[in-house]
C-alpha atoms as a PDB file:
ATOM      1  CA  UNK A   1      90.008 123.173  40.555  1.00  0.00           C
ATOM      2  CA  UNK A   2      91.074 121.229  43.616  1.00  0.00           C
ATOM      3  CA  UNK A   3      89.006 122.213  46.610  1.00  0.00           C
ATOM      4  CA  UNK A   4      91.079 120.711  49.370  1.00  0.00           C
ATOM      5  CA  UNK A   5      94.754 120.921  50.345  1.00  0.00           C
ATOM      6  CA  UNK A   6      94.531 117.184  51.080  1.00  0.00           C
ATOM      7  CA  UNK A   7      94.288 116.472  47.355  1.00  0.00           C
ATOM      8  CA  UNK A   8      97.508 118.367  46.820  1.00  0.00           C
ATOM      9  CA  UNK A   9      99.382 116.204  49.309  1.00  0.00           C
ATOM     10  CA  UNK A  10      97.963 113.039  47.740  1.00  0.00           C
ATOM     11  CA  UNK A  11      99.145 114.121  44.295  1.00  0.00           C
ATOM     12  CA  UNK A  12     102.672 114.591  45.579  1.00  0.00           C
ATOM     13  CA  UNK A  13     102.666 111.236  47.349  1.00  0.00           C
ATOM     14  CA  UNK A  14     101.588 109.420  44.184  1.00  0.00           C
ATOM     15  CA  UNK A  15     104.406 111.084  42.280  1.00  0.00           C
ATOM     16  CA  UNK A  16     102.237 112.809  39.689  1.00  0.00           C
ATOM     17  CA  UNK A  17     104.039 115.351  37.534  1.00  0.00           C
ATOM     18  CA  UNK A  18     103.912 118.946  38.707  1.00  0.00           C
ATOM     19  CA  UNK A  19     104.300 122.310  37.094  1.00  0.00           C
ATOM     20  CA  UNK A  20     104.623 125.689  38.740  1.00  0.00           C
ATOM     21  CA  UNK A  21     102.894 128.862  37.643  1.00  0.00           C
ATOM     22  CA  UNK A  22     104.683 132.024  38.819  1.00  0.00           C
ATOM     23  CA  UNK A  23     102.139 134.624  39.890  1.00  0.00           C
ATOM     24  CA  UNK A  24     102.980 138.104  41.109  1.00  0.00           C
ATOM     25  CA  UNK A  25     102.923 138.676  44.844  1.00  0.00           C
ATOM     26  CA  UNK A  26     100.460 141.527  44.245  1.00  0.00           C
ATOM     27  CA  UNK A  27      97.830 138.975  43.285  1.00  0.00           C
ATOM     28  CA  UNK A  28      97.905 137.329  46.693  1.00  0.00           C
ATOM     29  CA  UNK A  29      98.574 140.415  48.806  1.00  0.00           C
ATOM     30  CA  UNK A  30      95.583 141.760  50.647  1.00  0.00           C
ATOM     31  CA  UNK A  31      94.381 145.079  49.272  1.00  0.00           C
ATOM     32  CA  UNK A  32      94.100 146.312  52.851  1.00  0.00           C
ATOM     33  CA  UNK A  33      97.685 145.478  53.756  1.00  0.00           C
ATOM     34  CA  UNK A  34      98.488 149.129  54.440  1.00  0.00           C
ATOM     35  CA  UNK A  35      95.351 149.621  56.560  1.00  0.00           C
ATOM     36  CA  UNK A  36      95.024 148.927  60.264  1.00  0.00           C
ATOM     37  CA  UNK A  37      94.924 145.209  61.012  1.00  0.00           C
ATOM     38  CA  UNK A  38      93.287 143.969  64.196  1.00  0.00           C
ATOM     39  CA  UNK A  39      91.949 140.543  65.132  1.00  0.00           C
ATOM     40  CA  UNK A  40      88.728 140.617  67.150  1.00  0.00           C
ATOM     41  CA  UNK A  41      89.483 137.605  69.306  1.00  0.00           C
ATOM     42  CA  UNK A  42      88.513 137.797  72.986  1.00  0.00           C
ATOM     43  CA  UNK A  43      91.315 135.514  74.200  1.00  0.00           C
ATOM     44  CA  UNK A  44      93.936 137.369  72.160  1.00  0.00           C
ATOM     45  CA  UNK A  45      92.749 140.793  73.318  1.00  0.00           C
ATOM     46  CA  UNK A  46      92.849 139.686  76.974  1.00  0.00           C
ATOM     47  CA  UNK A  47      96.363 138.230  76.536  1.00  0.00           C
ATOM     48  CA  UNK A  48      97.575 141.421  74.836  1.00  0.00           C
ATOM     49  CA  UNK A  49      96.170 143.554  77.672  1.00  0.00           C
ATOM     50  CA  UNK A  50      97.796 141.276  80.268  1.00  0.00           C
ATOM     51  CA  UNK A  51     101.124 141.685  78.454  1.00  0.00           C
ATOM     52  CA  UNK A  52     100.918 145.462  78.713  1.00  0.00           C
ATOM     53  CA  UNK A  53      99.794 145.339  82.366  1.00  0.00           C
ATOM     54  CA  UNK A  54     102.751 143.118  83.293  1.00  0.00           C
ATOM     55  CA  UNK A  55     105.192 145.510  81.620  1.00  0.00           C
ATOM     56  CA  UNK A  56     103.547 148.471  83.370  1.00  0.00           C
ATOM     57  CA  UNK A  57     103.754 146.634  86.708  1.00  0.00           C
ATOM     58  CA  UNK A  58     107.478 146.130  86.159  1.00  0.00           C
ATOM     59  CA  UNK A  59     107.749 149.821  85.265  1.00  0.00           C
ATOM     60  CA  UNK A  60     106.028 150.791  88.523  1.00  0.00           C
ATOM     61  CA  UNK A  61     108.193 148.606  90.762  1.00  0.00           C
ATOM     62  CA  UNK A  62     111.455 149.518  89.019  1.00  0.00           C
ATOM     63  CA  UNK A  63     110.788 153.252  89.228  1.00  0.00           C
ATOM     64  CA  UNK A  64     108.945 153.722  92.525  1.00  0.00           C
ATOM     65  CA  UNK A  65     110.391 150.887  94.610  1.00  0.00           C
ATOM     66  CA  UNK A  66     113.988 150.646  93.396  1.00  0.00           C
ATOM     67  CA  UNK A  67     115.222 153.675  91.440  1.00  0.00           C
ATOM     68  CA  UNK A  68     113.520 156.807  92.784  1.00  0.00           C
ATOM     69  CA  UNK A  69     114.266 156.025  96.474  1.00  0.00           C
ATOM     70  CA  UNK A  70     117.921 155.301  95.627  1.00  0.00           C
ATOM     71  CA  UNK A  71     120.525 157.704  96.976  1.00  0.00           C
ATOM     72  CA  UNK A  72     122.773 157.089  93.976  1.00  0.00           C
ATOM     73  CA  UNK A  73     121.491 159.514  91.338  1.00  0.00           C
ATOM     74  CA  UNK A  74     123.791 158.230  88.584  1.00  0.00           C
ATOM     75  CA  UNK A  75     122.667 154.640  89.197  1.00  0.00           C
ATOM     76  CA  UNK A  76     119.005 155.680  89.019  1.00  0.00           C
ATOM     77  CA  UNK A  77     119.381 157.745  85.840  1.00  0.00           C
ATOM     78  CA  UNK A  78     121.401 155.140  83.935  1.00  0.00           C
ATOM     79  CA  UNK A  79     119.192 152.194  84.865  1.00  0.00           C
ATOM     80  CA  UNK A  80     115.993 154.198  84.479  1.00  0.00           C
ATOM     81  CA  UNK A  81     116.995 155.320  80.991  1.00  0.00           C
ATOM     82  CA  UNK A  82     118.012 151.812  79.923  1.00  0.00           C
ATOM     83  CA  UNK A  83     114.909 150.137  81.337  1.00  0.00           C
ATOM     84  CA  UNK A  84     112.465 152.669  79.876  1.00  0.00           C
ATOM     85  CA  UNK A  85     114.145 152.579  76.466  1.00  0.00           C
ATOM     86  CA  UNK A  86     113.926 148.783  76.311  1.00  0.00           C
ATOM     87  CA  UNK A  87     110.342 148.807  77.610  1.00  0.00           C
ATOM     88  CA  UNK A  88     109.335 151.393  75.004  1.00  0.00           C
ATOM     89  CA  UNK A  89     110.901 149.360  72.188  1.00  0.00           C
ATOM     90  CA  UNK A  90     109.256 146.173  73.494  1.00  0.00           C
ATOM     91  CA  UNK A  91     105.778 147.714  73.590  1.00  0.00           C
ATOM     92  CA  UNK A  92     106.268 149.383  70.203  1.00  0.00           C
ATOM     93  CA  UNK A  93     107.312 146.015  68.747  1.00  0.00           C
ATOM     94  CA  UNK A  94     104.255 144.432  70.349  1.00  0.00           C
ATOM     95  CA  UNK A  95     101.957 146.990  68.720  1.00  0.00           C
ATOM     96  CA  UNK A  96     103.572 146.514  65.309  1.00  0.00           C
ATOM     97  CA  UNK A  97     103.338 142.717  65.602  1.00  0.00           C
ATOM     98  CA  UNK A  98      99.687 142.997  66.643  1.00  0.00           C
ATOM     99  CA  UNK A  99      98.521 145.640  64.150  1.00  0.00           C
ATOM    100  CA  UNK A 100     100.464 144.584  61.036  1.00  0.00           C
ATOM    101  CA  UNK A 101      98.856 142.373  58.406  1.00  0.00           C
ATOM    102  CA  UNK A 102     100.934 139.183  58.799  1.00  0.00           C
ATOM    103  CA  UNK A 103     100.534 138.313  55.116  1.00  0.00           C
ATOM    104  CA  UNK A 104      96.871 137.536  54.604  1.00  0.00           C
ATOM    105  CA  UNK A 105      95.846 136.179  51.223  1.00  0.00           C
ATOM    106  CA  UNK A 106      92.872 138.123  49.775  1.00  0.00           C
ATOM    107  CA  UNK A 107      89.674 136.486  50.928  1.00  0.00           C
ATOM    108  CA  UNK A 108      87.368 135.051  48.298  1.00  0.00           C
ATOM    109  CA  UNK A 109      89.668 135.659  45.322  1.00  0.00           C
ATOM    110  CA  UNK A 110      89.242 132.107  44.003  1.00  0.00           C
ATOM    111  CA  UNK A 111      86.393 133.129  41.718  1.00  0.00           C
ATOM    112  CA  UNK A 112      85.568 131.457  38.429  1.00  0.00           C
ATOM    113  CA  UNK A 113      86.253 134.700  36.562  1.00  0.00           C
ATOM    114  CA  UNK A 114      89.689 135.172  38.097  1.00  0.00           C
ATOM    115  CA  UNK A 115      90.731 131.561  37.561  1.00  0.00           C
ATOM    116  CA  UNK A 116      89.676 131.839  33.916  1.00  0.00           C
ATOM    117  CA  UNK A 117      91.803 134.989  33.613  1.00  0.00           C
ATOM    118  CA  UNK A 118      94.897 132.939  34.544  1.00  0.00           C
ATOM    119  CA  UNK A 119      94.506 131.124  31.215  1.00  0.00           C
ATOM    120  CA  UNK A 120      95.584 127.783  32.611  1.00  0.00           C
ATOM    121  CA  UNK A 121      96.788 125.187  30.156  1.00  0.00           C
ATOM    122  CA  UNK A 122      95.129 121.754  29.974  1.00  0.00           C
ATOM    123  CA  UNK A 123      95.997 119.730  33.067  1.00  0.00           C
ATOM    124  CA  UNK A 124      96.984 122.763  35.126  1.00  0.00           C
ATOM    125  CA  UNK A 125      95.163 123.555  38.364  1.00  0.00           C
ATOM    126  CA  UNK A 126      95.397 126.078  41.173  1.00  0.00           C
ATOM    127  CA  UNK A 127      94.745 125.308  44.813  1.00  0.00           C
ATOM    128  CA  UNK A 128      91.882 126.817  46.722  1.00  0.00           C
ATOM    129  CA  UNK A 129      91.347 127.066  50.472  1.00  0.00           C
ATOM    130  CA  UNK A 130      87.825 125.738  51.120  1.00  0.00           C
ATOM    131  CA  UNK A 131      87.561 127.747  54.343  1.00  0.00           C
ATOM    132  CA  UNK A 132      88.171 131.282  53.041  1.00  0.00           C
ATOM    133  CA  UNK A 133      87.724 130.646  49.292  1.00  0.00           C
ATOM    134  CA  UNK A 134      91.190 132.002  48.490  1.00  0.00           C
ATOM    135  CA  UNK A 135      93.774 130.934  45.951  1.00  0.00           C
ATOM    136  CA  UNK A 136      96.301 129.296  48.229  1.00  0.00           C
ATOM    137  CA  UNK A 137      99.980 129.871  47.417  1.00  0.00           C
ATOM    138  CA  UNK A 138     102.798 127.645  48.573  1.00  0.00           C
ATOM    139  CA  UNK A 139     103.751 128.020  52.242  1.00  0.00           C
ATOM    140  CA  UNK A 140     100.413 129.590  53.145  1.00  0.00           C
ATOM    141  CA  UNK A 141      98.267 128.071  55.883  1.00  0.00           C
ATOM    142  CA  UNK A 142      94.766 128.822  57.087  1.00  0.00           C
ATOM    143  CA  UNK A 143      94.448 130.270  60.590  1.00  0.00           C
ATOM    144  CA  UNK A 144      91.231 129.339  62.358  1.00  0.00           C
ATOM    145  CA  UNK A 145      91.489 132.404  64.630  1.00  0.00           C
ATOM    146  CA  UNK A 146      92.262 135.020  61.962  1.00  0.00           C
ATOM    147  CA  UNK A 147      89.977 133.131  59.544  1.00  0.00           C
ATOM    148  CA  UNK A 148      92.427 133.855  56.726  1.00  0.00           C
ATOM    149  CA  UNK A 149      95.201 132.101  54.845  1.00  0.00           C
ATOM    150  CA  UNK A 150      98.529 133.592  55.970  1.00  0.00           C
ATOM    151  CA  UNK A 151     101.697 133.554  53.854  1.00  0.00           C
ATOM    152  CA  UNK A 152     104.609 131.845  55.634  1.00  0.00           C
ATOM    153  CA  UNK A 153     102.508 131.443  58.768  1.00  0.00           C
ATOM    154  CA  UNK A 154     104.687 130.391  61.695  1.00  0.00           C
ATOM    155  CA  UNK A 155     102.025 130.230  64.403  1.00  0.00           C
ATOM    156  CA  UNK A 156      99.167 132.204  65.921  1.00  0.00           C
ATOM    157  CA  UNK A 157     100.325 133.962  69.080  1.00  0.00           C
ATOM    158  CA  UNK A 158      97.598 135.055  71.538  1.00  0.00           C
ATOM    159  CA  UNK A 159     100.084 137.344  73.331  1.00  0.00           C
ATOM    160  CA  UNK A 160     100.247 139.590  70.271  1.00  0.00           C
ATOM    161  CA  UNK A 161      96.688 138.689  69.221  1.00  0.00           C
ATOM    162  CA  UNK A 162      97.857 137.921  65.707  1.00  0.00           C
ATOM    163  CA  UNK A 163      99.476 135.373  63.465  1.00  0.00           C
ATOM    164  CA  UNK A 164     103.232 135.531  63.045  1.00  0.00           C
ATOM    165  CA  UNK A 165     103.759 135.523  59.306  1.00  0.00           C
ATOM    166  CA  UNK A 166     105.707 136.974  56.426  1.00  0.00           C
ATOM    167  CA  UNK A 167     105.025 140.658  57.144  1.00  0.00           C
ATOM    168  CA  UNK A 168     105.265 140.864  60.938  1.00  0.00           C
ATOM    169  CA  UNK A 169     107.830 138.240  61.923  1.00  0.00           C
ATOM    170  CA  UNK A 170     110.482 140.940  62.377  1.00  0.00           C
ATOM    171  CA  UNK A 171     108.330 142.760  64.958  1.00  0.00           C
ATOM    172  CA  UNK A 172     107.576 139.544  66.831  1.00  0.00           C
ATOM    173  CA  UNK A 173     111.285 138.684  67.014  1.00  0.00           C
ATOM    174  CA  UNK A 174     112.075 142.200  68.287  1.00  0.00           C
ATOM    175  CA  UNK A 175     109.275 141.927  70.857  1.00  0.00           C
ATOM    176  CA  UNK A 176     110.660 138.686  72.295  1.00  0.00           C
ATOM    177  CA  UNK A 177     114.208 140.080  72.257  1.00  0.00           C
ATOM    178  CA  UNK A 178     113.371 143.316  74.078  1.00  0.00           C
ATOM    179  CA  UNK A 179     111.157 141.571  76.644  1.00  0.00           C
ATOM    180  CA  UNK A 180     113.995 139.126  77.359  1.00  0.00           C
ATOM    181  CA  UNK A 181     116.426 142.040  77.776  1.00  0.00           C
ATOM    182  CA  UNK A 182     114.224 144.036  80.171  1.00  0.00           C
ATOM    183  CA  UNK A 183     113.515 140.841  82.136  1.00  0.00           C
ATOM    184  CA  UNK A 184     117.246 140.206  82.532  1.00  0.00           C
ATOM    185  CA  UNK A 185     117.873 143.841  83.432  1.00  0.00           C
ATOM    186  CA  UNK A 186     115.062 143.746  85.990  1.00  0.00           C
ATOM    187  CA  UNK A 187     116.410 140.608  87.676  1.00  0.00           C
ATOM    188  CA  UNK A 188     119.867 142.185  87.980  1.00  0.00           C
ATOM    189  CA  UNK A 189     118.370 145.323  89.556  1.00  0.00           C
ATOM    190  CA  UNK A 190     116.288 143.261  91.991  1.00  0.00           C
ATOM    191  CA  UNK A 191     119.393 141.395  93.177  1.00  0.00           C
ATOM    192  CA  UNK A 192     121.293 144.656  93.679  1.00  0.00           C
ATOM    193  CA  UNK A 193     118.334 146.188  95.524  1.00  0.00           C
ATOM    194  CA  UNK A 194     118.023 143.235  97.897  1.00  0.00           C
ATOM    195  CA  UNK A 195     121.753 143.426  98.655  1.00  0.00           C
ATOM    196  CA  UNK A 196     121.472 147.167  99.238  1.00  0.00           C
ATOM    197  CA  UNK A 197     118.499 146.778 101.577  1.00  0.00           C
ATOM    198  CA  UNK A 198     120.202 144.018 103.586  1.00  0.00           C
ATOM    199  CA  UNK A 199     123.246 146.220 104.126  1.00  0.00           C
ATOM    200  CA  UNK A 200     121.218 149.351 104.838  1.00  0.00           C
ATOM    201  CA  UNK A 201     118.036 150.028 106.785  1.00  0.00           C
ATOM    202  CA  UNK A 202     114.991 148.481 105.052  1.00  0.00           C
ATOM    203  CA  UNK A 203     112.893 151.496 106.021  1.00  0.00           C
ATOM    204  CA  UNK A 204     115.248 153.792 104.094  1.00  0.00           C
ATOM    205  CA  UNK A 205     115.814 151.769 100.914  1.00  0.00           C
ATOM    206  CA  UNK A 206     112.210 152.086  99.733  1.00  0.00           C
ATOM    207  CA  UNK A 207     109.295 154.474 100.095  1.00  0.00           C
ATOM    208  CA  UNK A 208     107.083 151.461 100.860  1.00  0.00           C
ATOM    209  CA  UNK A 209     106.988 149.428 104.058  1.00  0.00           C
ATOM    210  CA  UNK A 210     109.488 146.523 104.279  1.00  0.00           C
ATOM    211  CA  UNK A 211     106.793 143.802 103.889  1.00  0.00           C
ATOM    212  CA  UNK A 212     105.257 145.569 100.880  1.00  0.00           C
ATOM    213  CA  UNK A 213     108.695 146.092  99.340  1.00  0.00           C
ATOM    214  CA  UNK A 214     109.587 142.408  99.697  1.00  0.00           C
ATOM    215  CA  UNK A 215     106.273 141.263  98.192  1.00  0.00           C
ATOM    216  CA  UNK A 216     106.554 143.668  95.244  1.00  0.00           C
ATOM    217  CA  UNK A 217     110.142 142.604  94.548  1.00  0.00           C
ATOM    218  CA  UNK A 218     109.385 138.872  94.803  1.00  0.00           C
ATOM    219  CA  UNK A 219     106.469 139.225  92.378  1.00  0.00           C
ATOM    220  CA  UNK A 220     108.664 141.224  90.007  1.00  0.00           C
ATOM    221  CA  UNK A 221     111.433 138.640  90.291  1.00  0.00           C
ATOM    222  CA  UNK A 222     108.991 135.823  89.490  1.00  0.00           C
ATOM    223  CA  UNK A 223     107.591 137.765  86.530  1.00  0.00           C
ATOM    224  CA  UNK A 224     111.052 138.609  85.218  1.00  0.00           C
ATOM    225  CA  UNK A 225     112.293 135.025  85.488  1.00  0.00           C
ATOM    226  CA  UNK A 226     109.189 133.623  83.789  1.00  0.00           C
ATOM    227  CA  UNK A 227     109.324 136.118  80.937  1.00  0.00           C
ATOM    228  CA  UNK A 228     113.079 135.725  80.510  1.00  0.00           C
ATOM    229  CA  UNK A 229     112.788 131.965  80.034  1.00  0.00           C
ATOM    230  CA  UNK A 230     109.711 132.122  77.801  1.00  0.00           C
ATOM    231  CA  UNK A 231     110.840 134.949  75.505  1.00  0.00           C
ATOM    232  CA  UNK A 232     114.416 133.654  75.263  1.00  0.00           C
ATOM    233  CA  UNK A 233     113.125 130.297  74.041  1.00  0.00           C
ATOM    234  CA  UNK A 234     110.754 132.004  71.600  1.00  0.00           C
ATOM    235  CA  UNK A 235     113.512 134.306  70.345  1.00  0.00           C
ATOM    236  CA  UNK A 236     115.873 131.395  69.757  1.00  0.00           C
ATOM    237  CA  UNK A 237     113.149 129.379  68.037  1.00  0.00           C
ATOM    238  CA  UNK A 238     112.268 132.271  65.738  1.00  0.00           C
ATOM    239  CA  UNK A 239     115.879 133.003  64.781  1.00  0.00           C
ATOM    240  CA  UNK A 240     116.431 129.308  64.018  1.00  0.00           C
ATOM    241  CA  UNK A 241     113.242 129.259  61.948  1.00  0.00           C
ATOM    242  CA  UNK A 242     114.409 132.303  59.973  1.00  0.00           C
ATOM    243  CA  UNK A 243     117.904 130.926  59.371  1.00  0.00           C
ATOM    244  CA  UNK A 244     116.588 127.574  58.151  1.00  0.00           C
ATOM    245  CA  UNK A 245     113.764 129.253  56.188  1.00  0.00           C
ATOM    246  CA  UNK A 246     111.255 126.841  57.662  1.00  0.00           C
ATOM    247  CA  UNK A 247     108.224 128.006  59.618  1.00  0.00           C
ATOM    248  CA  UNK A 248     107.007 126.392  62.812  1.00  0.00           C
ATOM    249  CA  UNK A 249     104.059 124.809  61.014  1.00  0.00           C
ATOM    250  CA  UNK A 250     106.306 123.433  58.274  1.00  0.00           C
ATOM    251  CA  UNK A 251     108.593 121.902  60.895  1.00  0.00           C
ATOM    252  CA  UNK A 252     105.654 120.445  62.809  1.00  0.00           C
ATOM    253  CA  UNK A 253     104.025 118.938  59.727  1.00  0.00           C
ATOM    254  CA  UNK A 254     107.390 117.902  58.275  1.00  0.00           C
ATOM    255  CA  UNK A 255     106.337 119.367  54.941  1.00  0.00           C
ATOM    256  CA  UNK A 256     108.433 118.585  51.903  1.00  0.00           C
ATOM    257  CA  UNK A 257     110.701 121.498  51.004  1.00  0.00           C
ATOM    258  CA  UNK A 258     109.591 122.955  47.643  1.00  0.00           C
ATOM    259  CA  UNK A 259     111.315 126.311  47.716  1.00  0.00           C
ATOM    260  CA  UNK A 260     114.828 127.396  46.811  1.00  0.00           C
ATOM    261  CA  UNK A 261     117.415 126.987  49.547  1.00  0.00           C
ATOM    262  CA  UNK A 262     119.188 130.213  50.520  1.00  0.00           C
ATOM    263  CA  UNK A 263     122.003 131.096  52.897  1.00  0.00           C
ATOM    264  CA  UNK A 264     121.234 131.981  56.502  1.00  0.00           C
ATOM    265  CA  UNK A 265     122.285 135.581  55.870  1.00  0.00           C
ATOM    266  CA  UNK A 266     119.917 135.877  52.905  1.00  0.00           C
ATOM    267  CA  UNK A 267     117.095 134.473  55.021  1.00  0.00           C
ATOM    268  CA  UNK A 268     117.806 137.031  57.758  1.00  0.00           C
ATOM    269  CA  UNK A 269     117.763 139.861  55.225  1.00  0.00           C
ATOM    270  CA  UNK A 270     114.475 138.577  53.821  1.00  0.00           C
ATOM    271  CA  UNK A 271     112.865 139.126  57.233  1.00  0.00           C
ATOM    272  CA  UNK A 272     114.694 142.180  58.593  1.00  0.00           C
ATOM    273  CA  UNK A 273     115.441 143.983  55.329  1.00  0.00           C
ATOM    274  CA  UNK A 274     118.415 144.703  53.105  1.00  0.00           C
ATOM    275  CA  UNK A 275     121.080 145.840  53.733  1.00  0.00           C
ATOM    276  CA  UNK A 276     122.021 145.226  57.368  1.00  0.00           C
ATOM    277  CA  UNK A 277     121.730 148.360  59.503  1.00  0.00           C
ATOM    278  CA  UNK A 278     120.623 149.569  62.917  1.00  0.00           C
ATOM    279  CA  UNK A 279     117.098 149.652  61.469  1.00  0.00           C
ATOM    280  CA  UNK A 280     117.028 145.882  61.926  1.00  0.00           C
ATOM    281  CA  UNK A 281     116.490 146.590  65.637  1.00  0.00           C
ATOM    282  CA  UNK A 282     113.844 149.289  65.148  1.00  0.00           C
ATOM    283  CA  UNK A 283     110.132 148.419  65.338  1.00  0.00           C
ATOM    284  CA  UNK A 284     109.419 151.641  63.430  1.00  0.00           C
ATOM    285  CA  UNK A 285     111.256 150.508  60.308  1.00  0.00           C
ATOM    286  CA  UNK A 286     109.402 148.450  57.723  1.00  0.00           C
ATOM    287  CA  UNK A 287     111.714 145.856  56.132  1.00  0.00           C
ATOM    288  CA  UNK A 288     112.662 146.484  52.519  1.00  0.00           C
ATOM    289  CA  UNK A 289     112.306 143.100  50.883  1.00  0.00           C
ATOM    290  CA  UNK A 290     113.337 144.412  47.500  1.00  0.00           C
ATOM    291  CA  UNK A 291     111.378 143.489  44.405  1.00  0.00           C
ATOM    292  CA  UNK A 292     108.119 141.654  44.910  1.00  0.00           C
ATOM    293  CA  UNK A 293     108.857 137.984  44.655  1.00  0.00           C
ATOM    294  CA  UNK A 294     106.713 135.631  42.657  1.00  0.00           C
ATOM    295  CA  UNK A 295     104.696 133.014  44.476  1.00  0.00           C
ATOM    296  CA  UNK A 296     104.377 129.547  43.078  1.00  0.00           C
ATOM    297  CA  UNK A 297     101.134 127.662  42.714  1.00  0.00           C
ATOM    298  CA  UNK A 298     101.651 123.913  42.439  1.00  0.00           C
ATOM    299  CA  UNK A 299      99.780 122.531  39.474  1.00  0.00           C
END
């Protein structure tokens, strides 16, 4: 039994022969996958709370500074409905990304009894994570924050207080997409509101005083611009990662590709579900990945 992933890399570099043992996904799927998942990390919890507070601040300014004081009822209803719908979907996606098991490998399953039950042939080995004592499948990496090995781990995101992995990547992508959309929508509304206030009396375009209105709008504009840039970059990075079927960690470490190459469309369906439907954009829909795939253990 090899106790370190370093040995695995050294074997590959020296060109030693390899064999692959297909093992059912059920073996390396946490038994608590359907239960509530939450990482008790102080930094992550604070970042998640800040995320919600920033969205709620935007909600407050959009409704009470820009839309409710507006004389155009149609404008207020349409923009209020659009903004609140996007904000709701963004926060729902955030919750799903935060509270979904990202693909944790069962902790401590690399026992002598279980390894013996695999009935390995002479010369065959399985790989074990020395940190969480788990049988480590291909494309799994250990997260020092979650203290677990995560299947297809892309990165650990403090803003969702969770790893982005095989099971919750869809929700993370939706979260970045909806935050980018509400940020763009907010910036457009701020521009229109400033133009409206310049043409009209500042005391009549908001229920707050002119100085307070300007400060609230400038802060909202700064927040919207910052979030638009950040989430747009993250969204693009994630979509590229999905299409190329290569996680952020795999790209960073320049790991040798040992899995079958699929089309971009197949990779998208693997994350968002099959077939394509409006459910791809719903944080309440769990992707249907079809039959449980087999995971390979390099031996």
